[in-house]
Amino acid sequence: MDISSIPQQSASPGVTPAVTPPPATPDQRALIQAVKAVNATALFGQDHELSFVLDRNTRQVVVRVVNSDTREVVRQIPAEYILRLAEESLDK
């Protein structure tokens, strides 16, 4: 039996290949550089850093000040309860 015409699979069955994120746009690169510059100045303290996150449920941009050692959220805008209220209004 000749199996040379059967395409070879590079990944094992059941294994999902890693997804490479699309390249950052110029605006995204500028935002990343600005956040790195703010974090380098230690504006929020030496053990805190600024981060931007997209809330999956509401699709709202969330700004967080995070403890860089423990990853604990020190401050978040908008607050978590505001995001949950927005999420509830989307469900209706």
PDB file of N, CA and C in Angstrom:
ATOM      1  N   MET A   1       0.845  -1.174   0.000  1.00  0.00           N
ATOM      2  CA  MET A   1       0.000   0.000   0.000  1.00  0.00           C
ATOM      3  C   MET A   1       0.888   1.234   0.000  1.00  0.00           C
ATOM      4  N   ASP A   2       0.670   2.144  -0.925  1.00  0.00           N
ATOM      5  CA  ASP A   2       1.455   3.369  -1.057  1.00  0.00           C
ATOM      6  C   ASP A   2       0.775   4.499  -0.295  1.00  0.00           C
ATOM      7  N   ILE A   3       1.472   5.071   0.685  1.00  0.00           N
ATOM      8  CA  ILE A   3       0.909   6.169   1.470  1.00  0.00           C
ATOM      9  C   ILE A   3       1.597   7.492   1.166  1.00  0.00           C
ATOM     10  N   SER A   4       2.375   7.558   0.129  1.00  0.00           N
ATOM     11  CA  SER A   4       3.111   8.779  -0.191  1.00  0.00           C
ATOM     12  C   SER A   4       2.195   9.931  -0.592  1.00  0.00           C
ATOM     13  N   SER A   5       0.991   9.647  -1.043  1.00  0.00           N
ATOM     14  CA  SER A   5       0.070  10.709  -1.450  1.00  0.00           C
ATOM     15  C   SER A   5      -0.725  11.286  -0.283  1.00  0.00           C
ATOM     16  N   ILE A   6      -0.607  10.678   0.892  1.00  0.00           N
ATOM     17  CA  ILE A   6      -1.315  11.183   2.075  1.00  0.00           C
ATOM     18  C   ILE A   6      -0.501  12.320   2.674  1.00  0.00           C
ATOM     19  N   PRO A   7      -1.127  13.517   2.864  1.00  0.00           N
ATOM     20  CA  PRO A   7      -0.373  14.648   3.427  1.00  0.00           C
ATOM     21  C   PRO A   7       0.095  14.347   4.855  1.00  0.00           C
ATOM     22  N   GLN A   8       1.303  14.730   5.138  1.00  0.00           N
ATOM     23  CA  GLN A   8       1.870  14.531   6.474  1.00  0.00           C
ATOM     24  C   GLN A   8       1.431  15.669   7.386  1.00  0.00           C
ATOM     25  N   GLN A   9       1.083  15.348   8.617  1.00  0.00           N
ATOM     26  CA  GLN A   9       0.718  16.361   9.597  1.00  0.00           C
ATOM     27  C   GLN A   9       1.905  16.598  10.495  1.00  0.00           C
ATOM     28  N   SER A  10       2.207  17.885  10.723  1.00  0.00           N
ATOM     29  CA  SER A  10       3.365  18.206  11.547  1.00  0.00           C
ATOM     30  C   SER A  10       3.071  18.122  13.034  1.00  0.00           C
ATOM     31  N   ALA A  11       1.820  18.342  13.434  1.00  0.00           N
ATOM     32  CA  ALA A  11       1.464  18.309  14.848  1.00  0.00           C
ATOM     33  C   ALA A  11       0.802  16.979  15.176  1.00  0.00           C
ATOM     34  N   SER A  12       0.921  16.566  16.418  1.00  0.00           N
ATOM     35  CA  SER A  12       0.270  15.350  16.867  1.00  0.00           C
ATOM     36  C   SER A  12      -1.236  15.572  16.889  1.00  0.00           C
ATOM     37  N   PRO A  13      -2.031  14.518  16.644  1.00  0.00           N
ATOM     38  CA  PRO A  13      -3.479  14.671  16.699  1.00  0.00           C
ATOM     39  C   PRO A  13      -3.922  15.167  18.075  1.00  0.00           C
ATOM     40  N   GLY A  14      -4.872  16.084  18.088  1.00  0.00           N
ATOM     41  CA  GLY A  14      -5.393  16.604  19.343  1.00  0.00           C
ATOM     42  C   GLY A  14      -4.575  17.741  19.931  1.00  0.00           C
ATOM     43  N   VAL A  15      -3.464  18.096  19.313  1.00  0.00           N
ATOM     44  CA  VAL A  15      -2.622  19.170  19.810  1.00  0.00           C
ATOM     45  C   VAL A  15      -2.892  20.409  18.970  1.00  0.00           C
ATOM     46  N   THR A  16      -3.291  21.482  19.613  1.00  0.00           N
ATOM     47  CA  THR A  16      -3.567  22.730  18.915  1.00  0.00           C
ATOM     48  C   THR A  16      -2.274  23.520  18.778  1.00  0.00           C
ATOM     49  N   PRO A  17      -1.930  23.938  17.561  1.00  0.00           N
ATOM     50  CA  PRO A  17      -0.700  24.722  17.396  1.00  0.00           C
ATOM     51  C   PRO A  17      -0.832  26.091  18.062  1.00  0.00           C
ATOM     52  N   ALA A  18       0.295  26.636  18.479  1.00  0.00           N
ATOM     53  CA  ALA A  18       0.295  27.948  19.122  1.00  0.00           C
ATOM     54  C   ALA A  18      -0.140  28.999  18.116  1.00  0.00           C
ATOM     55  N   VAL A  19      -0.943  29.948  18.595  1.00  0.00           N
ATOM     56  CA  VAL A  19      -1.435  31.020  17.743  1.00  0.00           C
ATOM     57  C   VAL A  19      -0.536  32.231  17.931  1.00  0.00           C
ATOM     58  N   THR A  20      -0.026  32.746  16.837  1.00  0.00           N
ATOM     59  CA  THR A  20       0.816  33.932  16.891  1.00  0.00           C
ATOM     60  C   THR A  20      -0.074  35.157  16.773  1.00  0.00           C
ATOM     61  N   PRO A  21       0.031  36.101  17.732  1.00  0.00           N
ATOM     62  CA  PRO A  21      -0.815  37.295  17.646  1.00  0.00           C
ATOM     63  C   PRO A  21      -0.422  38.135  16.428  1.00  0.00           C
ATOM     64  N   PRO A  22      -1.391  38.865  15.887  1.00  0.00           N
ATOM     65  CA  PRO A  22      -1.062  39.712  14.741  1.00  0.00           C
ATOM     66  C   PRO A  22      -0.079  40.808  15.161  1.00  0.00           C
ATOM     67  N   PRO A  23       0.705  41.323  14.221  1.00  0.00           N
ATOM     68  CA  PRO A  23       1.652  42.382  14.576  1.00  0.00           C
ATOM     69  C   PRO A  23       0.916  43.619  15.085  1.00  0.00           C
ATOM     70  N   ALA A  24       1.558  44.323  15.994  1.00  0.00           N
ATOM     71  CA  ALA A  24       0.956  45.514  16.589  1.00  0.00           C
ATOM     72  C   ALA A  24       0.863  46.634  15.556  1.00  0.00           C
ATOM     73  N   THR A  25      -0.217  47.402  15.650  1.00  0.00           N
ATOM     74  CA  THR A  25      -0.384  48.558  14.781  1.00  0.00           C
ATOM     75  C   THR A  25       0.511  49.682  15.301  1.00  0.00           C
ATOM     76  N   PRO A  26       0.739  50.722  14.514  1.00  0.00           N
ATOM     77  CA  PRO A  26       1.542  51.857  15.006  1.00  0.00           C
ATOM     78  C   PRO A  26       0.965  52.480  16.284  1.00  0.00           C
ATOM     79  N   ASP A  27      -0.370  52.571  16.386  1.00  0.00           N
ATOM     80  CA  ASP A  27      -0.986  53.114  17.601  1.00  0.00           C
ATOM     81  C   ASP A  27      -0.713  52.219  18.807  1.00  0.00           C
ATOM     82  N   GLN A  28      -0.803  50.907  18.606  1.00  0.00           N
ATOM     83  CA  GLN A  28      -0.542  49.978  19.701  1.00  0.00           C
ATOM     84  C   GLN A  28       0.918  50.053  20.134  1.00  0.00           C
ATOM     85  N   ARG A  29       1.830  50.154  19.172  1.00  0.00           N
ATOM     86  CA  ARG A  29       3.252  50.273  19.506  1.00  0.00           C
ATOM     87  C   ARG A  29       3.519  51.555  20.285  1.00  0.00           C
ATOM     88  N   ALA A  30       2.860  52.657  19.901  1.00  0.00           N
ATOM     89  CA  ALA A  30       3.033  53.924  20.605  1.00  0.00           C
ATOM     90  C   ALA A  30       2.515  53.820  22.040  1.00  0.00           C
ATOM     91  N   LEU A  31       1.383  53.143  22.221  1.00  0.00           N
ATOM     92  CA  LEU A  31       0.832  52.961  23.563  1.00  0.00           C
ATOM     93  C   LEU A  31       1.762  52.114  24.416  1.00  0.00           C
ATOM     94  N   ILE A  32       2.299  51.045  23.843  1.00  0.00           N
ATOM     95  CA  ILE A  32       3.228  50.176  24.576  1.00  0.00           C
ATOM     96  C   ILE A  32       4.454  50.963  25.011  1.00  0.00           C
ATOM     97  N   GLN A  33       4.992  51.777  24.119  1.00  0.00           N
ATOM     98  CA  GLN A  33       6.170  52.598  24.455  1.00  0.00           C
ATOM     99  C   GLN A  33       5.837  53.610  25.546  1.00  0.00           C
ATOM    100  N   ALA A  34       4.647  54.217  25.481  1.00  0.00           N
ATOM    101  CA  ALA A  34       4.249  55.194  26.497  1.00  0.00           C
ATOM    102  C   ALA A  34       4.112  54.534  27.866  1.00  0.00           C
ATOM    103  N   VAL A  35       3.511  53.342  27.909  1.00  0.00           N
ATOM    104  CA  VAL A  35       3.356  52.626  29.183  1.00  0.00           C
ATOM    105  C   VAL A  35       4.720  52.241  29.738  1.00  0.00           C
ATOM    106  N   LYS A  36       5.621  51.784  28.872  1.00  0.00           N
ATOM    107  CA  LYS A  36       6.978  51.443  29.321  1.00  0.00           C
ATOM    108  C   LYS A  36       7.684  52.675  29.883  1.00  0.00           C
ATOM    109  N   ALA A  37       7.490  53.827  29.254  1.00  0.00           N
ATOM    110  CA  ALA A  37       8.125  55.060  29.736  1.00  0.00           C
ATOM    111  C   ALA A  37       7.565  55.457  31.097  1.00  0.00           C
ATOM    112  N   VAL A  38       6.251  55.354  31.267  1.00  0.00           N
ATOM    113  CA  VAL A  38       5.637  55.680  32.568  1.00  0.00           C
ATOM    114  C   VAL A  38       6.134  54.722  33.633  1.00  0.00           C
ATOM    115  N   ASN A  39       6.186  53.438  33.321  1.00  0.00           N
ATOM    116  CA  ASN A  39       6.649  52.452  34.297  1.00  0.00           C
ATOM    117  C   ASN A  39       8.120  52.664  34.653  1.00  0.00           C
ATOM    118  N   ALA A  40       8.930  53.119  33.698  1.00  0.00           N
ATOM    119  CA  ALA A  40      10.355  53.352  33.959  1.00  0.00           C
ATOM    120  C   ALA A  40      10.568  54.514  34.919  1.00  0.00           C
ATOM    121  N   THR A  41       9.633  55.471  34.955  1.00  0.00           N
ATOM    122  CA  THR A  41       9.779  56.619  35.853  1.00  0.00           C
ATOM    123  C   THR A  41       9.365  56.293  37.280  1.00  0.00           C
ATOM    124  N   ALA A  42       8.774  55.133  37.491  1.00  0.00           N
ATOM    125  CA  ALA A  42       8.278  54.719  38.809  1.00  0.00           C
ATOM    126  C   ALA A  42       7.270  55.730  39.344  1.00  0.00           C
ATOM    127  N   LEU A  43       6.463  56.278  38.444  1.00  0.00           N
ATOM    128  CA  LEU A  43       5.451  57.268  38.811  1.00  0.00           C
ATOM    129  C   LEU A  43       4.475  56.724  39.846  1.00  0.00           C
ATOM    130  N   PHE A  44       4.182  55.433  39.777  1.00  0.00           N
ATOM    131  CA  PHE A  44       3.242  54.811  40.696  1.00  0.00           C
ATOM    132  C   PHE A  44       3.948  54.084  41.835  1.00  0.00           C
ATOM    133  N   GLY A  45       5.236  54.315  41.987  1.00  0.00           N
ATOM    134  CA  GLY A  45       6.030  53.650  43.019  1.00  0.00           C
ATOM    135  C   GLY A  45       6.935  52.611  42.375  1.00  0.00           C
ATOM    136  N   GLN A  46       7.996  52.263  43.079  1.00  0.00           N
ATOM    137  CA  GLN A  46       8.964  51.327  42.507  1.00  0.00           C
ATOM    138  C   GLN A  46       8.407  49.933  42.303  1.00  0.00           C
ATOM    139  N   ASP A  47       7.461  49.533  43.142  1.00  0.00           N
ATOM    140  CA  ASP A  47       6.934  48.171  43.017  1.00  0.00           C
ATOM    141  C   ASP A  47       5.561  48.120  42.357  1.00  0.00           C
ATOM    142  N   HIS A  48       5.171  49.202  41.671  1.00  0.00           N
ATOM    143  CA  HIS A  48       3.891  49.235  40.967  1.00  0.00           C
ATOM    144  C   HIS A  48       4.125  49.563  39.501  1.00  0.00           C
ATOM    145  N   GLU A  49       3.241  49.039  38.653  1.00  0.00           N
ATOM    146  CA  GLU A  49       3.335  49.334  37.230  1.00  0.00           C
ATOM    147  C   GLU A  49       1.946  49.535  36.641  1.00  0.00           C
ATOM    148  N   LEU A  50       1.907  50.273  35.562  1.00  0.00           N
ATOM    149  CA  LEU A  50       0.677  50.569  34.849  1.00  0.00           C
ATOM    150  C   LEU A  50       0.442  49.500  33.796  1.00  0.00           C
ATOM    151  N   SER A  51      -0.816  49.070  33.648  1.00  0.00           N
ATOM    152  CA  SER A  51      -1.142  48.120  32.586  1.00  0.00           C
ATOM    153  C   SER A  51      -2.524  48.441  32.025  1.00  0.00           C
ATOM    154  N   PHE A  52      -2.709  48.074  30.772  1.00  0.00           N
ATOM    155  CA  PHE A  52      -3.994  48.219  30.103  1.00  0.00           C
ATOM    156  C   PHE A  52      -4.485  46.821  29.766  1.00  0.00           C
ATOM    157  N   VAL A  53      -5.783  46.593  30.020  1.00  0.00           N
ATOM    158  CA  VAL A  53      -6.383  45.285  29.777  1.00  0.00           C
ATOM    159  C   VAL A  53      -7.717  45.512  29.081  1.00  0.00           C
ATOM    160  N   LEU A  54      -8.116  44.587  28.227  1.00  0.00           N
ATOM    161  CA  LEU A  54      -9.431  44.627  27.609  1.00  0.00           C
ATOM    162  C   LEU A  54     -10.314  43.632  28.349  1.00  0.00           C
ATOM    163  N   ASP A  55     -11.387  44.129  28.968  1.00  0.00           N
ATOM    164  CA  ASP A  55     -12.320  43.253  29.662  1.00  0.00           C
ATOM    165  C   ASP A  55     -13.046  42.400  28.628  1.00  0.00           C
ATOM    166  N   ARG A  56     -12.969  41.097  28.773  1.00  0.00           N
ATOM    167  CA  ARG A  56     -13.527  40.186  27.767  1.00  0.00           C
ATOM    168  C   ARG A  56     -15.042  40.295  27.643  1.00  0.00           C
ATOM    169  N   ASN A  57     -15.722  40.493  28.746  1.00  0.00           N
ATOM    170  CA  ASN A  57     -17.189  40.488  28.723  1.00  0.00           C
ATOM    171  C   ASN A  57     -17.771  41.788  28.186  1.00  0.00           C
ATOM    172  N   THR A  58     -17.224  42.920  28.591  1.00  0.00           N
ATOM    173  CA  THR A  58     -17.788  44.211  28.191  1.00  0.00           C
ATOM    174  C   THR A  58     -17.045  44.853  27.029  1.00  0.00           C
ATOM    175  N   ARG A  59     -15.847  44.326  26.702  1.00  0.00           N
ATOM    176  CA  ARG A  59     -14.985  44.878  25.648  1.00  0.00           C
ATOM    177  C   ARG A  59     -14.548  46.305  25.982  1.00  0.00           C
ATOM    178  N   GLN A  60     -14.484  46.632  27.275  1.00  0.00           N
ATOM    179  CA  GLN A  60     -14.038  47.939  27.751  1.00  0.00           C
ATOM    180  C   GLN A  60     -12.549  47.895  28.078  1.00  0.00           C
ATOM    181  N   VAL A  61     -11.864  48.979  27.799  1.00  0.00           N
ATOM    182  CA  VAL A  61     -10.457  49.093  28.173  1.00  0.00           C
ATOM    183  C   VAL A  61     -10.392  49.390  29.667  1.00  0.00           C
ATOM    184  N   VAL A  62      -9.541  48.661  30.367  1.00  0.00           N
ATOM    185  CA  VAL A  62      -9.381  48.806  31.812  1.00  0.00           C
ATOM    186  C   VAL A  62      -7.932  49.215  32.086  1.00  0.00           C
ATOM    187  N   VAL A  63      -7.769  50.269  32.881  1.00  0.00           N
ATOM    188  CA  VAL A  63      -6.443  50.732  33.279  1.00  0.00           C
ATOM    189  C   VAL A  63      -6.204  50.236  34.697  1.00  0.00           C
ATOM    190  N   ARG A  64      -5.059  49.596  34.910  1.00  0.00           N
ATOM    191  CA  ARG A  64      -4.752  49.041  36.226  1.00  0.00           C
ATOM    192  C   ARG A  64      -3.373  49.478  36.692  1.00  0.00           C
ATOM    193  N   VAL A  65      -3.272  49.705  37.991  1.00  0.00           N
ATOM    194  CA  VAL A  65      -1.978  49.844  38.648  1.00  0.00           C
ATOM    195  C   VAL A  65      -1.795  48.534  39.407  1.00  0.00           C
ATOM    196  N   VAL A  66      -0.717  47.819  39.089  1.00  0.00           N
ATOM    197  CA  VAL A  66      -0.507  46.461  39.593  1.00  0.00           C
ATOM    198  C   VAL A  66       0.805  46.406  40.370  1.00  0.00           C
ATOM    199  N   ASN A  67       0.800  45.680  41.493  1.00  0.00           N
ATOM    200  CA  ASN A  67       2.032  45.422  42.222  1.00  0.00           C
ATOM    201  C   ASN A  67       2.866  44.477  41.374  1.00  0.00           C
ATOM    202  N   SER A  68       4.051  44.913  40.973  1.00  0.00           N
ATOM    203  CA  SER A  68       4.866  44.121  40.056  1.00  0.00           C
ATOM    204  C   SER A  68       5.422  42.846  40.685  1.00  0.00           C
ATOM    205  N   ASP A  69       5.462  42.770  41.997  1.00  0.00           N
ATOM    206  CA  ASP A  69       5.952  41.561  42.660  1.00  0.00           C
ATOM    207  C   ASP A  69       4.856  40.521  42.837  1.00  0.00           C
ATOM    208  N   THR A  70       3.695  40.942  43.344  1.00  0.00           N
ATOM    209  CA  THR A  70       2.610  40.009  43.659  1.00  0.00           C
ATOM    210  C   THR A  70       1.555  39.918  42.561  1.00  0.00           C
ATOM    211  N   ARG A  71       1.584  40.831  41.579  1.00  0.00           N
ATOM    212  CA  ARG A  71       0.594  40.942  40.504  1.00  0.00           C
ATOM    213  C   ARG A  71      -0.783  41.318  41.026  1.00  0.00           C
ATOM    214  N   GLU A  72      -0.877  41.775  42.280  1.00  0.00           N
ATOM    215  CA  GLU A  72      -2.134  42.218  42.862  1.00  0.00           C
ATOM    216  C   GLU A  72      -2.534  43.563  42.265  1.00  0.00           C
ATOM    217  N   VAL A  73      -3.825  43.700  41.935  1.00  0.00           N
ATOM    218  CA  VAL A  73      -4.336  44.953  41.399  1.00  0.00           C
ATOM    219  C   VAL A  73      -4.487  45.934  42.556  1.00  0.00           C
ATOM    220  N   VAL A  74      -3.773  47.062  42.477  1.00  0.00           N
ATOM    221  CA  VAL A  74      -3.809  48.085  43.515  1.00  0.00           C
ATOM    222  C   VAL A  74      -4.945  49.071  43.241  1.00  0.00           C
ATOM    223  N   ARG A  75      -5.121  49.422  41.963  1.00  0.00           N
ATOM    224  CA  ARG A  75      -6.152  50.376  41.552  1.00  0.00           C
ATOM    225  C   ARG A  75      -6.596  50.011  40.152  1.00  0.00           C
ATOM    226  N   GLN A  76      -7.890  50.180  39.889  1.00  0.00           N
ATOM    227  CA  GLN A  76      -8.410  49.845  38.571  1.00  0.00           C
ATOM    228  C   GLN A  76      -9.449  50.875  38.159  1.00  0.00           C
ATOM    229  N   ILE A  77      -9.372  51.300  36.894  1.00  0.00           N
ATOM    230  CA  ILE A  77     -10.343  52.243  36.349  1.00  0.00           C
ATOM    231  C   ILE A  77     -10.829  51.682  35.026  1.00  0.00           C
ATOM    232  N   PRO A  78     -12.122  51.461  34.837  1.00  0.00           N
ATOM    233  CA  PRO A  78     -13.201  51.561  35.807  1.00  0.00           C
ATOM    234  C   PRO A  78     -13.134  50.421  36.814  1.00  0.00           C
ATOM    235  N   ALA A  79     -13.744  50.651  37.957  1.00  0.00           N
ATOM    236  CA  ALA A  79     -13.743  49.657  39.032  1.00  0.00           C
ATOM    237  C   ALA A  79     -14.463  48.389  38.575  1.00  0.00           C
ATOM    238  N   GLU A  80     -14.135  47.283  39.216  1.00  0.00           N
ATOM    239  CA  GLU A  80     -14.700  45.980  38.848  1.00  0.00           C
ATOM    240  C   GLU A  80     -16.228  45.989  38.910  1.00  0.00           C
ATOM    241  N   TYR A  81     -16.798  46.642  39.918  1.00  0.00           N
ATOM    242  CA  TYR A  81     -18.249  46.633  40.031  1.00  0.00           C
ATOM    243  C   TYR A  81     -18.899  47.406  38.873  1.00  0.00           C
ATOM    244  N   ILE A  82     -18.237  48.399  38.353  1.00  0.00           N
ATOM    245  CA  ILE A  82     -18.757  49.139  37.199  1.00  0.00           C
ATOM    246  C   ILE A  82     -18.753  48.232  35.963  1.00  0.00           C
ATOM    247  N   LEU A  83     -17.692  47.457  35.801  1.00  0.00           N
ATOM    248  CA  LEU A  83     -17.636  46.512  34.686  1.00  0.00           C
ATOM    249  C   LEU A  83     -18.746  45.475  34.779  1.00  0.00           C
ATOM    250  N   ARG A  84     -19.038  44.985  35.989  1.00  0.00           N
ATOM    251  CA  ARG A  84     -20.095  43.994  36.155  1.00  0.00           C
ATOM    252  C   ARG A  84     -21.463  44.619  35.882  1.00  0.00           C
ATOM    253  N   LEU A  85     -21.665  45.889  36.281  1.00  0.00           N
ATOM    254  CA  LEU A  85     -22.926  46.577  35.954  1.00  0.00           C
ATOM    255  C   LEU A  85     -23.073  46.713  34.442  1.00  0.00           C
ATOM    256  N   ALA A  86     -21.998  47.063  33.769  1.00  0.00           N
ATOM    257  CA  ALA A  86     -22.029  47.178  32.311  1.00  0.00           C
ATOM    258  C   ALA A  86     -22.321  45.825  31.672  1.00  0.00           C
ATOM    259  N   GLU A  87     -21.747  44.784  32.233  1.00  0.00           N
ATOM    260  CA  GLU A  87     -21.975  43.436  31.717  1.00  0.00           C
ATOM    261  C   GLU A  87     -23.447  43.038  31.860  1.00  0.00           C
ATOM    262  N   GLU A  88     -24.025  43.367  33.009  1.00  0.00           N
ATOM    263  CA  GLU A  88     -25.449  43.058  33.234  1.00  0.00           C
ATOM    264  C   GLU A  88     -26.330  43.808  32.253  1.00  0.00           C
ATOM    265  N   SER A  89     -26.000  45.071  31.961  1.00  0.00           N
ATOM    266  CA  SER A  89     -26.810  45.842  31.020  1.00  0.00           C
ATOM    267  C   SER A  89     -26.685  45.283  29.603  1.00  0.00           C
ATOM    268  N   LEU A  90     -25.544  44.669  29.261  1.00  0.00           N
ATOM    269  CA  LEU A  90     -25.380  44.056  27.949  1.00  0.00           C
ATOM    270  C   LEU A  90     -26.207  42.786  27.828  1.00  0.00           C
ATOM    271  N   ASP A  91     -26.414  42.083  28.945  1.00  0.00           N
ATOM    272  CA  ASP A  91     -27.149  40.822  28.941  1.00  0.00           C
ATOM    273  C   ASP A  91     -28.650  41.036  28.736  1.00  0.00           C
ATOM    274  N   LYS A  92     -29.122  42.236  28.988  1.00  0.00           N
ATOM    275  CA  LYS A  92     -30.590  42.497  28.898  1.00  0.00           C
ATOM    276  C   LYS A  92     -31.033  42.768  27.504  1.00  0.00           C
TER     277      LYS A  92
END
